[in-house]
Amino acid sequence: MQELEIQVTPNTRPVGKLLAEVASTRQAEIIRKKLATEELAAALRVAPQTIRAGLCRKGHYCGLRPLKLPTGKLLWDASEVERLLSAEGSV
């Protein structure tokens, strides 16, 4: 009977690169659960500027607070938007 020979090769990727990959994957997961201002506006049937103005004046829009990226882009939590829409439908 032949024995299988297993060779272990060390991970040659630098730790920094590995951490960057994990961070970008995690960021992608977060962004998938978020909506851009234009998408939120379409869901609520208002103009994107209406949302931006409400945020500027009150610090929120209909109780929704966005995540602001370093680029200035606003991302809104999709689950909160769904909850808001379902509450509007039941009133």
C-alpha atoms as a PDB file:
ATOM      1  CA  MET A   1       0.000   0.000   0.000  1.00  0.00           C
ATOM      2  CA  GLN A   2       1.349   3.443  -0.942  1.00  0.00           C
ATOM      3  CA  GLU A   3       1.430   6.288   1.510  1.00  0.00           C
ATOM      4  CA  LEU A   4       0.270   9.680   0.409  1.00  0.00           C
ATOM      5  CA  GLU A   5       2.855  12.379   0.723  1.00  0.00           C
ATOM      6  CA  ILE A   6       1.427  15.708   1.860  1.00  0.00           C
ATOM      7  CA  GLN A   7       3.419  18.862   1.383  1.00  0.00           C
ATOM      8  CA  VAL A   8       2.522  21.889   3.427  1.00  0.00           C
ATOM      9  CA  THR A   9       3.312  25.202   1.781  1.00  0.00           C
ATOM     10  CA  PRO A  10       3.356  28.324   3.887  1.00  0.00           C
ATOM     11  CA  ASN A  11       1.013  31.186   3.117  1.00  0.00           C
ATOM     12  CA  THR A  12       3.116  33.514   0.998  1.00  0.00           C
ATOM     13  CA  ARG A  13       0.663  36.430   1.018  1.00  0.00           C
ATOM     14  CA  PRO A  14       1.738  39.301   3.219  1.00  0.00           C
ATOM     15  CA  VAL A  15      -0.422  39.861   6.283  1.00  0.00           C
ATOM     16  CA  GLY A  16      -1.254  43.405   5.167  1.00  0.00           C
ATOM     17  CA  LYS A  17      -2.641  42.159   1.875  1.00  0.00           C
ATOM     18  CA  LEU A  18      -4.694  39.500   3.652  1.00  0.00           C
ATOM     19  CA  LEU A  19      -6.133  42.076   6.060  1.00  0.00           C
ATOM     20  CA  ALA A  20      -6.946  44.400   3.147  1.00  0.00           C
ATOM     21  CA  GLU A  21      -8.850  41.579   1.433  1.00  0.00           C
ATOM     22  CA  VAL A  22     -10.825  40.841   4.609  1.00  0.00           C
ATOM     23  CA  ALA A  23     -11.607  44.543   5.093  1.00  0.00           C
ATOM     24  CA  SER A  24     -12.772  44.979   1.497  1.00  0.00           C
ATOM     25  CA  THR A  25     -14.949  41.864   1.750  1.00  0.00           C
ATOM     26  CA  ARG A  26     -16.478  43.136   4.973  1.00  0.00           C
ATOM     27  CA  GLN A  27     -17.049  46.584   3.488  1.00  0.00           C
ATOM     28  CA  ALA A  28     -18.763  44.975   0.491  1.00  0.00           C
ATOM     29  CA  GLU A  29     -21.093  43.095   2.862  1.00  0.00           C
ATOM     30  CA  ILE A  30     -21.969  46.322   4.654  1.00  0.00           C
ATOM     31  CA  ILE A  31     -22.597  48.192   1.410  1.00  0.00           C
ATOM     32  CA  ARG A  32     -24.871  45.416   0.094  1.00  0.00           C
ATOM     33  CA  LYS A  33     -27.188  46.061   3.025  1.00  0.00           C
ATOM     34  CA  LYS A  34     -27.270  49.791   2.270  1.00  0.00           C
ATOM     35  CA  LEU A  35     -29.025  51.987  -0.286  1.00  0.00           C
ATOM     36  CA  ALA A  36     -27.666  55.041  -2.060  1.00  0.00           C
ATOM     37  CA  THR A  37     -29.617  58.279  -1.668  1.00  0.00           C
ATOM     38  CA  GLU A  38     -30.995  57.934  -5.200  1.00  0.00           C
ATOM     39  CA  GLU A  39     -32.243  54.394  -4.452  1.00  0.00           C
ATOM     40  CA  LEU A  40     -33.858  55.583  -1.222  1.00  0.00           C
ATOM     41  CA  ALA A  41     -35.516  58.447  -3.083  1.00  0.00           C
ATOM     42  CA  ALA A  42     -36.926  56.049  -5.664  1.00  0.00           C
ATOM     43  CA  ALA A  43     -38.263  53.750  -2.926  1.00  0.00           C
ATOM     44  CA  LEU A  44     -39.915  56.651  -1.092  1.00  0.00           C
ATOM     45  CA  ARG A  45     -41.024  58.364  -4.315  1.00  0.00           C
ATOM     46  CA  VAL A  46     -39.357  61.680  -3.523  1.00  0.00           C
ATOM     47  CA  ALA A  47     -36.512  63.631  -5.103  1.00  0.00           C
ATOM     48  CA  PRO A  48     -32.989  62.827  -3.832  1.00  0.00           C
ATOM     49  CA  GLN A  49     -32.554  66.488  -2.923  1.00  0.00           C
ATOM     50  CA  THR A  50     -35.576  66.272  -0.615  1.00  0.00           C
ATOM     51  CA  ILE A  51     -33.764  63.595   1.380  1.00  0.00           C
ATOM     52  CA  ARG A  52     -30.524  65.582   1.463  1.00  0.00           C
ATOM     53  CA  ALA A  53     -32.371  68.737   2.560  1.00  0.00           C
ATOM     54  CA  GLY A  54     -34.196  66.908   5.355  1.00  0.00           C
ATOM     55  CA  LEU A  55     -30.932  65.414   6.545  1.00  0.00           C
ATOM     56  CA  CYS A  56     -29.255  68.814   6.487  1.00  0.00           C
ATOM     57  CA  ARG A  57     -32.077  70.560   8.372  1.00  0.00           C
ATOM     58  CA  LYS A  58     -33.001  67.935  10.948  1.00  0.00           C
ATOM     59  CA  GLY A  59     -30.072  65.502  11.043  1.00  0.00           C
ATOM     60  CA  HIS A  60     -32.283  62.678   9.737  1.00  0.00           C
ATOM     61  CA  TYR A  61     -34.890  61.963   7.079  1.00  0.00           C
ATOM     62  CA  CYS A  62     -38.070  60.349   8.427  1.00  0.00           C
ATOM     63  CA  GLY A  63     -36.036  58.993  11.320  1.00  0.00           C
ATOM     64  CA  LEU A  64     -33.427  57.451   9.011  1.00  0.00           C
ATOM     65  CA  ARG A  65     -29.783  58.325   9.596  1.00  0.00           C
ATOM     66  CA  PRO A  66     -27.228  57.467   6.910  1.00  0.00           C
ATOM     67  CA  LEU A  67     -23.696  56.173   7.019  1.00  0.00           C
ATOM     68  CA  LYS A  68     -21.483  58.835   5.490  1.00  0.00           C
ATOM     69  CA  LEU A  69     -18.478  57.548   3.561  1.00  0.00           C
ATOM     70  CA  PRO A  70     -15.218  59.537   3.378  1.00  0.00           C
ATOM     71  CA  THR A  71     -16.112  60.375  -0.216  1.00  0.00           C
ATOM     72  CA  GLY A  72     -19.258  62.144   0.996  1.00  0.00           C
ATOM     73  CA  LYS A  73     -21.627  59.473  -0.329  1.00  0.00           C
ATOM     74  CA  LEU A  74     -24.555  58.636   1.953  1.00  0.00           C
ATOM     75  CA  LEU A  75     -25.637  55.037   2.499  1.00  0.00           C
ATOM     76  CA  TRP A  76     -28.988  54.271   4.085  1.00  0.00           C
ATOM     77  CA  ASP A  77     -29.781  51.040   5.950  1.00  0.00           C
ATOM     78  CA  ALA A  78     -32.032  48.897   3.747  1.00  0.00           C
ATOM     79  CA  SER A  79     -33.724  47.134   6.686  1.00  0.00           C
ATOM     80  CA  GLU A  80     -34.709  50.487   8.253  1.00  0.00           C
ATOM     81  CA  VAL A  81     -36.115  51.627   4.912  1.00  0.00           C
ATOM     82  CA  GLU A  82     -38.168  48.424   4.643  1.00  0.00           C
ATOM     83  CA  ARG A  83     -39.452  48.947   8.179  1.00  0.00           C
ATOM     84  CA  LEU A  84     -40.405  52.548   7.328  1.00  0.00           C
ATOM     85  CA  LEU A  85     -42.210  51.456   4.170  1.00  0.00           C
ATOM     86  CA  SER A  86     -44.088  48.679   5.945  1.00  0.00           C
ATOM     87  CA  ALA A  87     -45.149  51.130   8.685  1.00  0.00           C
ATOM     88  CA  GLU A  88     -46.445  53.572   6.062  1.00  0.00           C
ATOM     89  CA  GLY A  89     -48.466  50.822   4.405  1.00  0.00           C
ATOM     90  CA  SER A  90     -50.153  49.792   7.671  1.00  0.00           C
ATOM     91  CA  VAL A  91     -51.272  53.314   8.626  1.00  0.00           C
END
